[in-house]
PDB file of all heavy atoms in Angstrom:
ATOM      1  N   PHE A   1       3.338  35.412   6.409  1.00  0.00           N
ATOM      2  CA  PHE A   1       3.768  34.197   7.022  1.00  0.00           C
ATOM      3  C   PHE A   1       3.330  34.012   8.406  1.00  0.00           C
ATOM      4  O   PHE A   1       3.107  32.892   8.882  1.00  0.00           O
ATOM      5  CB  PHE A   1       5.300  34.229   6.943  1.00  0.00           C
ATOM      6  CG  PHE A   1       5.957  34.160   5.640  1.00  0.00           C
ATOM      7  CD1 PHE A   1       7.291  34.273   5.361  1.00  0.00           C
ATOM      8  CD2 PHE A   1       5.171  33.857   4.479  1.00  0.00           C
ATOM      9  CE1 PHE A   1       7.906  34.141   4.163  1.00  0.00           C
ATOM     10  CE2 PHE A   1       5.770  33.677   3.270  1.00  0.00           C
ATOM     11  CZ  PHE A   1       7.049  33.838   3.021  1.00  0.00           C
ATOM     12  N   GLU A   2       3.067  35.149   9.060  1.00  0.00           N
ATOM     13  CA  GLU A   2       2.536  35.086  10.443  1.00  0.00           C
ATOM     14  C   GLU A   2       1.186  34.442  10.424  1.00  0.00           C
ATOM     15  O   GLU A   2       0.840  33.625  11.276  1.00  0.00           O
ATOM     16  CB  GLU A   2       2.426  36.450  11.112  1.00  0.00           C
ATOM     17  CG  GLU A   2       3.863  37.060  11.437  1.00  0.00           C
ATOM     18  CD  GLU A   2       4.551  37.658  10.183  1.00  0.00           C
ATOM     19  OE1 GLU A   2       3.868  37.692   9.088  1.00  0.00           O
ATOM     20  OE2 GLU A   2       5.758  37.938  10.262  1.00  0.00           O
ATOM     21  N   ALA A   3       0.356  34.725   9.467  1.00  0.00           N
ATOM     22  CA  ALA A   3      -1.002  34.213   9.298  1.00  0.00           C
ATOM     23  C   ALA A   3      -0.912  32.732   9.081  1.00  0.00           C
ATOM     24  O   ALA A   3      -1.632  31.901   9.605  1.00  0.00           O
ATOM     25  CB  ALA A   3      -1.774  34.918   8.174  1.00  0.00           C
ATOM     26  N   ILE A   4       0.008  32.297   8.251  1.00  0.00           N
ATOM     27  CA  ILE A   4       0.223  30.844   7.917  1.00  0.00           C
ATOM     28  C   ILE A   4       0.593  30.125   9.244  1.00  0.00           C
ATOM     29  O   ILE A   4       0.134  29.083   9.474  1.00  0.00           O
ATOM     30  CB  ILE A   4       1.304  30.687   6.779  1.00  0.00           C
ATOM     31  CG1 ILE A   4       0.783  31.112   5.500  1.00  0.00           C
ATOM     32  CG2 ILE A   4       1.680  29.210   6.684  1.00  0.00           C
ATOM     33  CD1 ILE A   4       1.728  31.089   4.389  1.00  0.00           C
ATOM     34  N   GLU A   5       1.431  30.700  10.060  1.00  0.00           N
ATOM     35  CA  GLU A   5       1.860  30.035  11.213  1.00  0.00           C
ATOM     36  C   GLU A   5       0.742  29.853  12.206  1.00  0.00           C
ATOM     37  O   GLU A   5       0.613  28.869  12.923  1.00  0.00           O
ATOM     38  CB  GLU A   5       2.958  30.877  11.900  1.00  0.00           C
ATOM     39  CG  GLU A   5       4.212  30.910  11.276  1.00  0.00           C
ATOM     40  CD  GLU A   5       5.253  31.945  11.770  1.00  0.00           C
ATOM     41  OE1 GLU A   5       4.849  32.642  12.725  1.00  0.00           O
ATOM     42  OE2 GLU A   5       6.315  32.127  11.264  1.00  0.00           O
ATOM     43  N   VAL A   6      -0.268  30.866  12.234  1.00  0.00           N
ATOM     44  CA  VAL A   6      -1.458  30.728  13.018  1.00  0.00           C
ATOM     45  C   VAL A   6      -2.278  29.634  12.591  1.00  0.00           C
ATOM     46  O   VAL A   6      -2.746  28.825  13.353  1.00  0.00           O
ATOM     47  CB  VAL A   6      -2.301  31.981  13.004  1.00  0.00           C
ATOM     48  CG1 VAL A   6      -3.621  31.824  13.627  1.00  0.00           C
ATOM     49  CG2 VAL A   6      -1.550  33.137  13.657  1.00  0.00           C
ATOM     50  N   TYR A   7      -2.514  29.418  11.277  1.00  0.00           N
ATOM     51  CA  TYR A   7      -3.242  28.351  10.712  1.00  0.00           C
ATOM     52  C   TYR A   7      -2.547  26.936  10.932  1.00  0.00           C
ATOM     53  O   TYR A   7      -3.247  25.920  11.198  1.00  0.00           O
ATOM     54  CB  TYR A   7      -3.542  28.450   9.234  1.00  0.00           C
ATOM     55  CG  TYR A   7      -4.534  29.622   9.053  1.00  0.00           C
ATOM     56  CD1 TYR A   7      -4.221  30.750   8.299  1.00  0.00           C
ATOM     57  CD2 TYR A   7      -5.860  29.618   9.524  1.00  0.00           C
ATOM     58  CE1 TYR A   7      -5.061  31.894   8.151  1.00  0.00           C
ATOM     59  CE2 TYR A   7      -6.746  30.610   9.281  1.00  0.00           C
ATOM     60  CZ  TYR A   7      -6.377  31.776   8.629  1.00  0.00           C
ATOM     61  OH  TYR A   7      -7.216  32.782   8.430  1.00  0.00           O
ATOM     62  N   VAL A   8      -1.249  26.929  10.880  1.00  0.00           N
ATOM     63  CA  VAL A   8      -0.541  25.649  11.143  1.00  0.00           C
ATOM     64  C   VAL A   8      -0.773  25.302  12.571  1.00  0.00           C
ATOM     65  O   VAL A   8      -1.036  24.070  12.846  1.00  0.00           O
ATOM     66  CB  VAL A   8       0.994  25.815  10.801  1.00  0.00           C
ATOM     67  CG1 VAL A   8       1.720  24.664  11.402  1.00  0.00           C
ATOM     68  CG2 VAL A   8       1.168  25.935   9.306  1.00  0.00           C
ATOM     69  N   HIS A   9      -0.692  26.244  13.557  1.00  0.00           N
ATOM     70  CA  HIS A   9      -0.912  25.962  14.916  1.00  0.00           C
ATOM     71  C   HIS A   9      -2.342  25.447  15.123  1.00  0.00           C
ATOM     72  O   HIS A   9      -2.536  24.392  15.839  1.00  0.00           O
ATOM     73  CB  HIS A   9      -0.697  27.252  15.768  1.00  0.00           C
ATOM     74  CG  HIS A   9      -1.047  27.136  17.226  1.00  0.00           C
ATOM     75  ND1 HIS A   9      -0.183  26.404  17.985  1.00  0.00           N
ATOM     76  CD2 HIS A   9      -2.137  27.576  17.914  1.00  0.00           C
ATOM     77  CE1 HIS A   9      -0.728  26.456  19.286  1.00  0.00           C
ATOM     78  NE2 HIS A   9      -1.879  27.126  19.218  1.00  0.00           N
ATOM     79  N   ARG A  10      -3.373  26.038  14.591  1.00  0.00           N
ATOM     80  CA  ARG A  10      -4.660  25.529  14.750  1.00  0.00           C
ATOM     81  C   ARG A  10      -4.811  24.102  14.197  1.00  0.00           C
ATOM     82  O   ARG A  10      -5.515  23.293  14.825  1.00  0.00           O
ATOM     83  CB  ARG A  10      -5.659  26.480  14.039  1.00  0.00           C
ATOM     84  CG  ARG A  10      -5.733  27.924  14.601  1.00  0.00           C
ATOM     85  CD  ARG A  10      -6.637  28.696  13.808  1.00  0.00           C
ATOM     86  NE  ARG A  10      -6.766  30.099  14.375  1.00  0.00           N
ATOM     87  CZ  ARG A  10      -7.381  31.049  13.730  1.00  0.00           C
ATOM     88  NH1 ARG A  10      -7.948  30.912  12.611  1.00  0.00           N
ATOM     89  NH2 ARG A  10      -7.353  32.250  14.323  1.00  0.00           N
ATOM     90  N   LEU A  11      -4.268  23.824  13.076  1.00  0.00           N
ATOM     91  CA  LEU A  11      -4.382  22.521  12.452  1.00  0.00           C
ATOM     92  C   LEU A  11      -3.632  21.532  13.322  1.00  0.00           C
ATOM     93  O   LEU A  11      -4.213  20.369  13.398  1.00  0.00           O
ATOM     94  CB  LEU A  11      -3.812  22.483  10.964  1.00  0.00           C
ATOM     95  CG  LEU A  11      -4.116  21.451  10.112  1.00  0.00           C
ATOM     96  CD1 LEU A  11      -5.597  21.103  10.077  1.00  0.00           C
ATOM     97  CD2 LEU A  11      -3.587  21.684   8.674  1.00  0.00           C
ATOM     98  N   ARG A  12      -2.477  21.809  13.828  1.00  0.00           N
ATOM     99  CA  ARG A  12      -1.829  20.880  14.681  1.00  0.00           C
ATOM    100  C   ARG A  12      -2.675  20.488  15.845  1.00  0.00           C
ATOM    101  O   ARG A  12      -2.635  19.265  16.199  1.00  0.00           O
ATOM    102  CB  ARG A  12      -0.463  21.495  15.108  1.00  0.00           C
ATOM    103  CG  ARG A  12       0.701  21.440  14.166  1.00  0.00           C
ATOM    104  CD  ARG A  12       1.911  22.148  14.659  1.00  0.00           C
ATOM    105  NE  ARG A  12       3.008  21.721  13.904  1.00  0.00           N
ATOM    106  CZ  ARG A  12       4.051  22.652  13.614  1.00  0.00           C
ATOM    107  NH1 ARG A  12       4.052  23.786  14.224  1.00  0.00           N
ATOM    108  NH2 ARG A  12       5.079  22.224  12.853  1.00  0.00           N
ATOM    109  N   ARG A  13      -3.404  21.425  16.355  1.00  0.00           N
ATOM    110  CA  ARG A  13      -4.227  21.043  17.557  1.00  0.00           C
ATOM    111  C   ARG A  13      -5.263  20.106  17.187  1.00  0.00           C
ATOM    112  O   ARG A  13      -5.658  19.189  17.950  1.00  0.00           O
ATOM    113  CB  ARG A  13      -4.895  22.344  18.188  1.00  0.00           C
ATOM    114  CG  ARG A  13      -3.864  23.288  18.817  1.00  0.00           C
ATOM    115  CD  ARG A  13      -4.515  24.515  19.364  1.00  0.00           C
ATOM    116  NE  ARG A  13      -5.430  24.059  20.444  1.00  0.00           N
ATOM    117  CZ  ARG A  13      -6.278  25.025  21.068  1.00  0.00           C
ATOM    118  NH1 ARG A  13      -6.131  26.290  20.691  1.00  0.00           N
ATOM    119  NH2 ARG A  13      -7.074  24.649  21.926  1.00  0.00           N
ATOM    120  N   LYS A  14      -5.785  20.232  15.972  1.00  0.00           N
ATOM    121  CA  LYS A  14      -6.870  19.242  15.513  1.00  0.00           C
ATOM    122  C   LYS A  14      -6.296  17.856  15.222  1.00  0.00           C
ATOM    123  O   LYS A  14      -7.038  16.895  15.128  1.00  0.00           O
ATOM    124  CB  LYS A  14      -7.546  19.890  14.368  1.00  0.00           C
ATOM    125  CG  LYS A  14      -8.327  21.068  14.735  1.00  0.00           C
ATOM    126  CD  LYS A  14      -9.077  21.694  13.541  1.00  0.00           C
ATOM    127  CE  LYS A  14      -9.872  23.026  14.062  1.00  0.00           C
ATOM    128  NZ  LYS A  14     -10.458  23.649  12.971  1.00  0.00           N
ATOM    129  N   LEU A  15      -4.993  17.724  14.941  1.00  0.00           N
ATOM    130  CA  LEU A  15      -4.316  16.599  14.676  1.00  0.00           C
ATOM    131  C   LEU A  15      -3.702  15.870  15.917  1.00  0.00           C
ATOM    132  O   LEU A  15      -3.218  14.755  15.819  1.00  0.00           O
ATOM    133  CB  LEU A  15      -3.191  16.691  13.552  1.00  0.00           C
ATOM    134  CG  LEU A  15      -3.759  17.087  12.220  1.00  0.00           C
ATOM    135  CD1 LEU A  15      -2.549  17.406  11.230  1.00  0.00           C
ATOM    136  CD2 LEU A  15      -4.637  16.160  11.517  1.00  0.00           C
ATOM    137  N   GLU A  16      -3.731  16.450  16.979  1.00  0.00           N
ATOM    138  CA  GLU A  16      -3.138  16.044  18.204  1.00  0.00           C
ATOM    139  C   GLU A  16      -3.660  14.667  18.605  1.00  0.00           C
ATOM    140  O   GLU A  16      -4.860  14.514  18.532  1.00  0.00           O
ATOM    141  CB  GLU A  16      -3.366  17.052  19.321  1.00  0.00           C
ATOM    142  CG  GLU A  16      -2.349  18.190  19.461  1.00  0.00           C
ATOM    143  CD  GLU A  16      -2.545  19.110  20.624  1.00  0.00           C
ATOM    144  OE1 GLU A  16      -3.466  18.803  21.280  1.00  0.00           O
ATOM    145  OE2 GLU A  16      -1.784  20.055  20.705  1.00  0.00           O
ATOM    146  N   GLY A  17      -2.800  13.751  19.034  1.00  0.00           N
ATOM    147  CA  GLY A  17      -3.285  12.476  19.444  1.00  0.00           C
ATOM    148  C   GLY A  17      -3.430  11.469  18.366  1.00  0.00           C
ATOM    149  O   GLY A  17      -3.709  10.252  18.559  1.00  0.00           O
ATOM    150  N   SER A  18      -3.285  11.856  17.139  1.00  0.00           N
ATOM    151  CA  SER A  18      -3.478  11.035  15.973  1.00  0.00           C
ATOM    152  C   SER A  18      -2.002  10.498  15.493  1.00  0.00           C
ATOM    153  O   SER A  18      -1.014  10.906  16.053  1.00  0.00           O
ATOM    154  CB  SER A  18      -4.194  11.714  14.810  1.00  0.00           C
ATOM    155  OG  SER A  18      -3.205  12.700  14.186  1.00  0.00           O
ATOM    156  N   ASP A  19      -1.995   9.743  14.515  1.00  0.00           N
ATOM    157  CA  ASP A  19      -0.732   9.264  13.966  1.00  0.00           C
ATOM    158  C   ASP A  19      -0.239  10.095  12.839  1.00  0.00           C
ATOM    159  O   ASP A  19       0.660   9.678  11.997  1.00  0.00           O
ATOM    160  CB  ASP A  19      -0.873   7.761  13.393  1.00  0.00           C
ATOM    161  CG  ASP A  19      -1.990   7.625  12.428  1.00  0.00           C
ATOM    162  OD1 ASP A  19      -2.680   8.621  12.140  1.00  0.00           O
ATOM    163  OD2 ASP A  19      -2.133   6.582  11.828  1.00  0.00           O
ATOM    164  N   VAL A  20      -0.692  11.353  12.614  1.00  0.00           N
ATOM    165  CA  VAL A  20      -0.203  12.249  11.675  1.00  0.00           C
ATOM    166  C   VAL A  20       0.155  13.537  12.316  1.00  0.00           C
ATOM    167  O   VAL A  20      -0.433  14.051  13.299  1.00  0.00           O
ATOM    168  CB  VAL A  20      -1.368  12.519  10.647  1.00  0.00           C
ATOM    169  CG1 VAL A  20      -0.922  13.506   9.586  1.00  0.00           C
ATOM    170  CG2 VAL A  20      -1.838  11.257   9.924  1.00  0.00           C
ATOM    171  N   ARG A  21       1.232  14.173  11.827  1.00  0.00           N
ATOM    172  CA  ARG A  21       1.706  15.436  12.406  1.00  0.00           C
ATOM    173  C   ARG A  21       2.256  16.390  11.294  1.00  0.00           C
ATOM    174  O   ARG A  21       2.737  15.880  10.319  1.00  0.00           O
ATOM    175  CB  ARG A  21       2.770  15.240  13.549  1.00  0.00           C
ATOM    176  CG  ARG A  21       4.071  14.635  12.931  1.00  0.00           C
ATOM    177  CD  ARG A  21       5.116  14.429  14.017  1.00  0.00           C
ATOM    178  NE  ARG A  21       6.421  13.953  13.474  1.00  0.00           N
ATOM    179  CZ  ARG A  21       7.528  13.724  14.231  1.00  0.00           C
ATOM    180  NH1 ARG A  21       7.503  14.021  15.538  1.00  0.00           N
ATOM    181  NH2 ARG A  21       8.579  13.278  13.592  1.00  0.00           N
ATOM    182  N   ILE A  22       2.316  17.609  11.626  1.00  0.00           N
ATOM    183  CA  ILE A  22       2.992  18.616  10.835  1.00  0.00           C
ATOM    184  C   ILE A  22       4.356  19.024  11.389  1.00  0.00           C
ATOM    185  O   ILE A  22       4.406  19.444  12.549  1.00  0.00           O
ATOM    186  CB  ILE A  22       2.113  19.903  10.628  1.00  0.00           C
ATOM    187  CG1 ILE A  22       0.699  19.548  10.112  1.00  0.00           C
ATOM    188  CG2 ILE A  22       2.838  20.966   9.799  1.00  0.00           C
ATOM    189  CD1 ILE A  22      -0.233  20.708  10.068  1.00  0.00           C
ATOM    190  N   VAL A  23       5.327  18.703  10.661  1.00  0.00           N
ATOM    191  CA  VAL A  23       6.734  18.970  11.064  1.00  0.00           C
ATOM    192  C   VAL A  23       7.189  20.263  10.474  1.00  0.00           C
ATOM    193  O   VAL A  23       7.082  20.583   9.284  1.00  0.00           O
ATOM    194  CB  VAL A  23       7.658  17.827  10.679  1.00  0.00           C
ATOM    195  CG1 VAL A  23       9.115  18.135  11.133  1.00  0.00           C
ATOM    196  CG2 VAL A  23       7.193  16.470  11.264  1.00  0.00           C
ATOM    197  N   THR A  24       7.883  21.084  11.334  1.00  0.00           N
ATOM    198  CA  THR A  24       8.509  22.339  10.817  1.00  0.00           C
ATOM    199  C   THR A  24      10.022  22.085  10.476  1.00  0.00           C
ATOM    200  O   THR A  24      10.742  21.554  11.272  1.00  0.00           O
ATOM    201  CB  THR A  24       8.410  23.388  11.933  1.00  0.00           C
ATOM    202  OG1 THR A  24       7.094  23.593  12.163  1.00  0.00           O
ATOM    203  CG2 THR A  24       9.155  24.714  11.392  1.00  0.00           C
ATOM    204  N   PHE A  25      10.380  22.539   9.263  1.00  0.00           N
ATOM    205  CA  PHE A  25      11.767  22.581   8.927  1.00  0.00           C
ATOM    206  C   PHE A  25      12.175  24.034   8.746  1.00  0.00           C
ATOM    207  O   PHE A  25      11.791  24.689   7.785  1.00  0.00           O
ATOM    208  CB  PHE A  25      11.990  21.870   7.543  1.00  0.00           C
ATOM    209  CG  PHE A  25      11.775  20.333   7.649  1.00  0.00           C
ATOM    210  CD1 PHE A  25      10.547  19.833   7.399  1.00  0.00           C
ATOM    211  CD2 PHE A  25      12.797  19.501   7.892  1.00  0.00           C
ATOM    212  CE1 PHE A  25      10.296  18.420   7.502  1.00  0.00           C
ATOM    213  CE2 PHE A  25      12.588  18.066   7.988  1.00  0.00           C
ATOM    214  CZ  PHE A  25      11.364  17.543   7.761  1.00  0.00           C
ATOM    215  N   ARG A  26      12.901  24.515   9.910  1.00  0.00           N
ATOM    216  CA  ARG A  26      13.117  25.866  10.043  1.00  0.00           C
ATOM    217  C   ARG A  26      13.863  26.471   8.717  1.00  0.00           C
ATOM    218  O   ARG A  26      14.789  26.007   8.235  1.00  0.00           O
ATOM    219  CB  ARG A  26      14.036  26.076  11.201  1.00  0.00           C
ATOM    220  CG  ARG A  26      14.041  27.644  11.615  1.00  0.00           C
ATOM    221  CD  ARG A  26      14.721  27.719  12.967  1.00  0.00           C
ATOM    222  NE  ARG A  26      13.952  27.076  14.006  1.00  0.00           N
ATOM    223  CZ  ARG A  26      12.922  27.612  14.596  1.00  0.00           C
ATOM    224  NH1 ARG A  26      12.495  28.702  14.267  1.00  0.00           N
ATOM    225  NH2 ARG A  26      12.289  26.940  15.577  1.00  0.00           N
ATOM    226  N   GLY A  27      13.302  27.579   8.236  1.00  0.00           N
ATOM    227  CA  GLY A  27      13.797  28.182   7.025  1.00  0.00           C
ATOM    228  C   GLY A  27      13.377  27.563   5.730  1.00  0.00           C
ATOM    229  O   GLY A  27      13.608  28.203   4.685  1.00  0.00           O
ATOM    230  N   LEU A  28      12.700  26.483   5.897  1.00  0.00           N
ATOM    231  CA  LEU A  28      12.290  25.769   4.620  1.00  0.00           C
ATOM    232  C   LEU A  28      10.760  25.658   4.457  1.00  0.00           C
ATOM    233  O   LEU A  28      10.295  25.751   3.364  1.00  0.00           O
ATOM    234  CB  LEU A  28      12.883  24.374   4.568  1.00  0.00           C
ATOM    235  CG  LEU A  28      14.345  24.329   4.511  1.00  0.00           C
ATOM    236  CD1 LEU A  28      14.870  22.853   4.666  1.00  0.00           C
ATOM    237  CD2 LEU A  28      14.969  24.932   3.170  1.00  0.00           C
ATOM    238  N   GLY A  29      10.069  25.199   5.600  1.00  0.00           N
ATOM    239  CA  GLY A  29       8.649  25.122   5.488  1.00  0.00           C
ATOM    240  C   GLY A  29       8.072  24.060   6.368  1.00  0.00           C
ATOM    241  O   GLY A  29       8.640  23.786   7.426  1.00  0.00           O
ATOM    242  N   TYR A  30       7.128  23.306   5.849  1.00  0.00           N
ATOM    243  CA  TYR A  30       6.385  22.353   6.598  1.00  0.00           C
ATOM    244  C   TYR A  30       6.232  21.037   5.760  1.00  0.00           C
ATOM    245  O   TYR A  30       6.229  21.096   4.670  1.00  0.00           O
ATOM    246  CB  TYR A  30       5.006  22.794   6.992  1.00  0.00           C
ATOM    247  CG  TYR A  30       5.051  24.136   7.818  1.00  0.00           C
ATOM    248  CD1 TYR A  30       4.840  25.383   7.200  1.00  0.00           C
ATOM    249  CD2 TYR A  30       5.171  24.024   9.254  1.00  0.00           C
ATOM    250  CE1 TYR A  30       4.830  26.516   7.900  1.00  0.00           C
ATOM    251  CE2 TYR A  30       5.301  25.281   9.994  1.00  0.00           C
ATOM    252  CZ  TYR A  30       5.075  26.450   9.310  1.00  0.00           C
ATOM    253  OH  TYR A  30       5.047  27.650  10.054  1.00  0.00           O
ATOM    254  N   GLN A  31       6.080  19.932   6.540  1.00  0.00           N
ATOM    255  CA  GLN A  31       5.857  18.582   5.864  1.00  0.00           C
ATOM    256  C   GLN A  31       4.917  17.828   6.713  1.00  0.00           C
ATOM    257  O   GLN A  31       4.995  17.802   7.956  1.00  0.00           O
ATOM    258  CB  GLN A  31       7.205  17.906   5.791  1.00  0.00           C
ATOM    259  CG  GLN A  31       7.032  16.627   4.888  1.00  0.00           C
ATOM    260  CD  GLN A  31       8.429  16.045   4.630  1.00  0.00           C
ATOM    261  OE1 GLN A  31       9.358  16.714   4.162  1.00  0.00           O
ATOM    262  NE2 GLN A  31       8.486  14.721   4.680  1.00  0.00           N
ATOM    263  N   LEU A  32       4.004  17.175   6.072  1.00  0.00           N
ATOM    264  CA  LEU A  32       3.039  16.252   6.706  1.00  0.00           C
ATOM    265  C   LEU A  32       3.622  14.793   6.743  1.00  0.00           C
ATOM    266  O   LEU A  32       4.082  14.398   5.681  1.00  0.00           O
ATOM    267  CB  LEU A  32       1.747  16.288   6.008  1.00  0.00           C
ATOM    268  CG  LEU A  32       0.474  15.655   6.614  1.00  0.00           C
ATOM    269  CD1 LEU A  32       0.044  16.403   7.852  1.00  0.00           C
ATOM    270  CD2 LEU A  32      -0.701  15.571   5.658  1.00  0.00           C
ATOM    271  N   GLU A  33       3.660  14.272   7.846  1.00  0.00           N
ATOM    272  CA  GLU A  33       4.173  12.930   7.931  1.00  0.00           C
ATOM    273  C   GLU A  33       3.615  12.103   9.137  1.00  0.00           C
ATOM    274  O   GLU A  33       2.807  12.629   9.970  1.00  0.00           O
ATOM    275  CB  GLU A  33       5.792  13.046   8.320  1.00  0.00           C
ATOM    276  CG  GLU A  33       6.191  13.560   9.609  1.00  0.00           C
ATOM    277  CD  GLU A  33       7.678  13.726   9.862  1.00  0.00           C
ATOM    278  OE1 GLU A  33       8.432  13.862   8.946  1.00  0.00           O
ATOM    279  OE2 GLU A  33       8.003  13.439  11.031  1.00  0.00           O
ATOM    280  N   ARG A  34       3.915  10.806   9.103  1.00  0.00           N
ATOM    281  CA  ARG A  34       3.425   9.933  10.105  1.00  0.00           C
ATOM    282  C   ARG A  34       4.057  10.279  11.453  1.00  0.00           C
ATOM    283  O   ARG A  34       5.285  10.509  11.531  1.00  0.00           O
ATOM    284  CB  ARG A  34       3.634   8.427   9.777  1.00  0.00           C
ATOM    285  CG  ARG A  34       2.830   7.938   8.706  1.00  0.00           C
ATOM    286  CD  ARG A  34       1.438   7.636   9.078  1.00  0.00           C
ATOM    287  NE  ARG A  34       1.294   6.674  10.103  1.00  0.00           N
ATOM    288  CZ  ARG A  34       1.030   5.394   9.791  1.00  0.00           C
ATOM    289  NH1 ARG A  34       1.034   4.923   8.559  1.00  0.00           N
ATOM    290  NH2 ARG A  34       0.902   4.433  10.865  1.00  0.00           N
ATOM    291  N   ALA A  35       3.374  10.280  12.533  1.00  0.00           N
ATOM    292  CA  ALA A  35       3.892  10.544  13.866  1.00  0.00           C
ATOM    293  C   ALA A  35       4.526   9.258  14.347  1.00  0.00           C
ATOM    294  O   ALA A  35       4.067   8.179  14.179  1.00  0.00           O
ATOM    295  CB  ALA A  35       2.790  11.070  14.800  1.00  0.00           C
ATOM    296  N   PRO A  36       5.638   9.396  15.200  1.00  0.00           N
ATOM    297  CA  PRO A  36       6.286   8.247  15.679  1.00  0.00           C
ATOM    298  C   PRO A  36       5.376   7.550  16.716  1.00  0.00           C
ATOM    299  O   PRO A  36       4.513   8.125  17.390  1.00  0.00           O
ATOM    300  CB  PRO A  36       7.535   8.749  16.431  1.00  0.00           C
ATOM    301  CG  PRO A  36       7.236  10.269  16.674  1.00  0.00           C
ATOM    302  CD  PRO A  36       6.343  10.661  15.540  1.00  0.00           C
ATOM    303  N   ASP A  37       5.395   6.235  16.738  1.00  0.00           N
ATOM    304  CA  ASP A  37       4.586   5.420  17.726  1.00  0.00           C
ATOM    305  C   ASP A  37       5.232   5.478  19.075  1.00  0.00           C
ATOM    306  O   ASP A  37       6.315   5.109  19.288  1.00  0.00           O
ATOM    307  CB  ASP A  37       4.528   4.019  17.218  1.00  0.00           C
ATOM    308  CG  ASP A  37       3.570   3.087  18.014  1.00  0.00           C
ATOM    309  OD1 ASP A  37       2.950   3.640  18.916  1.00  0.00           O
ATOM    310  OD2 ASP A  37       3.511   1.900  17.791  1.00  0.00           O
ATOM    311  N   THR A  38       4.405   6.069  19.954  1.00  0.00           N
ATOM    312  CA  THR A  38       4.851   6.245  21.300  1.00  0.00           C
ATOM    313  C   THR A  38       4.158   5.296  22.324  1.00  0.00           C
ATOM    314  O   THR A  38       4.406   5.459  23.519  1.00  0.00           O
ATOM    315  CB  THR A  38       4.647   7.735  21.798  1.00  0.00           C
ATOM    316  OG1 THR A  38       3.246   7.996  21.725  1.00  0.00           O
ATOM    317  CG2 THR A  38       5.393   8.629  20.925  1.00  0.00           C
ATOM    318  N   SER A  39       3.495   4.332  21.844  1.00  0.00           N
ATOM    319  CA  SER A  39       2.812   3.423  22.682  1.00  0.00           C
ATOM    320  C   SER A  39       3.856   2.486  23.336  1.00  0.00           C
ATOM    321  O   SER A  39       4.853   2.145  22.825  1.00  0.00           O
ATOM    322  CB  SER A  39       1.854   2.559  21.847  1.00  0.00           C
ATOM    323  OG  SER A  39       2.535   1.883  20.894  1.00  0.00           O
ATOM    324  N   PRO A  40       3.520   2.234  24.731  1.00  0.00           N
ATOM    325  CA  PRO A  40       4.647   1.374  25.402  1.00  0.00           C
ATOM    326  C   PRO A  40       4.729  -0.009  24.785  1.00  0.00           C
ATOM    327  O   PRO A  40       3.757  -0.595  24.228  1.00  0.00           O
ATOM    328  CB  PRO A  40       3.952   1.361  26.843  1.00  0.00           C
ATOM    329  CG  PRO A  40       2.483   1.583  26.590  1.00  0.00           C
ATOM    330  CD  PRO A  40       2.397   2.502  25.482  1.00  0.00           C
ATOM    331  N   VAL A  41       5.884  -0.539  24.899  1.00  0.00           N
ATOM    332  CA  VAL A  41       6.201  -1.793  24.378  1.00  0.00           C
ATOM    333  C   VAL A  41       5.973  -2.905  25.488  1.00  0.00           C
ATOM    334  O   VAL A  41       6.559  -2.737  26.549  1.00  0.00           O
ATOM    335  CB  VAL A  41       7.638  -2.007  23.762  1.00  0.00           C
ATOM    336  CG1 VAL A  41       7.888  -3.415  23.321  1.00  0.00           C
ATOM    337  CG2 VAL A  41       7.817  -0.970  22.705  1.00  0.00           C
ATOM    338  N   ALA A  42       5.204  -3.870  25.214  1.00  0.00           N
ATOM    339  CA  ALA A  42       4.814  -4.829  26.257  1.00  0.00           C
ATOM    340  C   ALA A  42       6.103  -5.723  26.592  1.00  0.00           C
ATOM    341  O   ALA A  42       6.846  -6.097  25.659  1.00  0.00           O
ATOM    342  CB  ALA A  42       3.699  -5.721  25.817  1.00  0.00           C
TER     343      ALA A  42
END
């Protein structure tokens, strides 16, 4: 499981700044989902 956490961390770095993210559900696992839109509202 420690190795999986390392690969998740590496993959998250490659997805940084995009509209996709890997979410951790503690004790359950991971899920790929759309990242919330944080762009300022005019």
